[in-house]
């Protein structure tokens, strides 16, 4: 009976045409069934964009969040609530020219803004949901991390060797920071080599979004190999530092230079003839780093600012006392950023390169005191930071073993011929 009922139902469906003419078997074979699929939802920033009218733009000079919202029919109370109650999440005063934003508007005739999305950078964004009660929150796009290994042989400069390998330029900065205490980057030699392991970030599997900090590196300078491995030596403070294969900290208590990517225009010299003073012999008790006006000057070590003033030929300068043994001074600044009595950390910007005082060109004169006497910092054996604690070393050695093996297996590219022997990082 169940089979008979099905036959009757099928017959009824097939005979429900306009002319009530039953379909022959051959007619049934020629029927084409059109399957219409609903359009796929366009997902972005956690929203289905097909539900909105979408406007995409960038912040223009003179734009303000309030004006943008008023133009898109958001009332004053909501704008005021966002600016007052969500300042920690989205400070409306700090939207920057050139930053992309999206406005998701209603599809009705009002086309009122319902969601505002501000892209802080390629990965991070801020959402201001204007529907019902206002909500603001931060989020990030899904990121894919790809392991990258690269190497290079220096022929003209570190930056060129890195760019020749198609490596992110930020790796140049990272390498110079990792080895800032152990390698004199102002005296690199042709044939110096490096290898690096790091991760690249991609959005939607294809859009490059920068790179992560270097995980492991190898730098061969003057034939001396120096390994570097990133390791968290203080899990409570989430402090990551770089150690060599014997767990020695690559950091020193002093940076080798107070500026990045500069050149030494004049070294510490007790018998130097100075053109500014009529080519007479006058001791030069500092090391001059030539750099464009406005280049940031960094404190080379932690310490307390004892002077931040202007005086005679020194021009505007800052002096820092690091401990009972060491002090440093930074001359000819365009402007100081710190005041007397402030405590500064190694790498903090304390001022900018200028030409104040007696100087024939923009540079910072870096002076270094040890036990009250000015000495040449480039000849000093600077004190090292503490090595990795003994209790952490077994785990550290286990962690770095595969990374060291991976570094050792990376091949160097073949160098090209060049007549340059002395390499500098001058850009």
Foldseek 3Di string as FASTA:
>chain_A
DVVVVVVVVVQVVQQPDPVSDHDDPVRVVPDDDDDDDDDDFDDDPRDRLVQFDKDKDFDAVPDFPVVVQVVQPDDDVLVVCCCPVVCVAPNRVPRDGGWMKMFTFGPDPSRHTQKIKTAPAPFKIKIWGNPDRTDIHIDTADKDKDKDKDKFFDAAAPQVRQVVGVHDSVVVVLVCVQQQQPDDQFWAWGGKMKMWIWIWIDGPVPHTRGTDHTQKMWIQGPNRIWIWGWDQLDPVVRDTFIATLVQFGSDFQFGPAFFPQWHWPDFQAQQFQDVLVVRHGHGQLWTKTADDWFGFGWGGHKFFWADAQADAQQGTKTKTDRDQFKIKMKGQFPHFDDHGGDIDGGGDGGGTWHHGHDDDHTIITMWMGGNRDTDGSVPDPTGGDDGRDPVCVVVVNVVCVVVVVVRVPDDYDDDDDDPDTTYHSHD
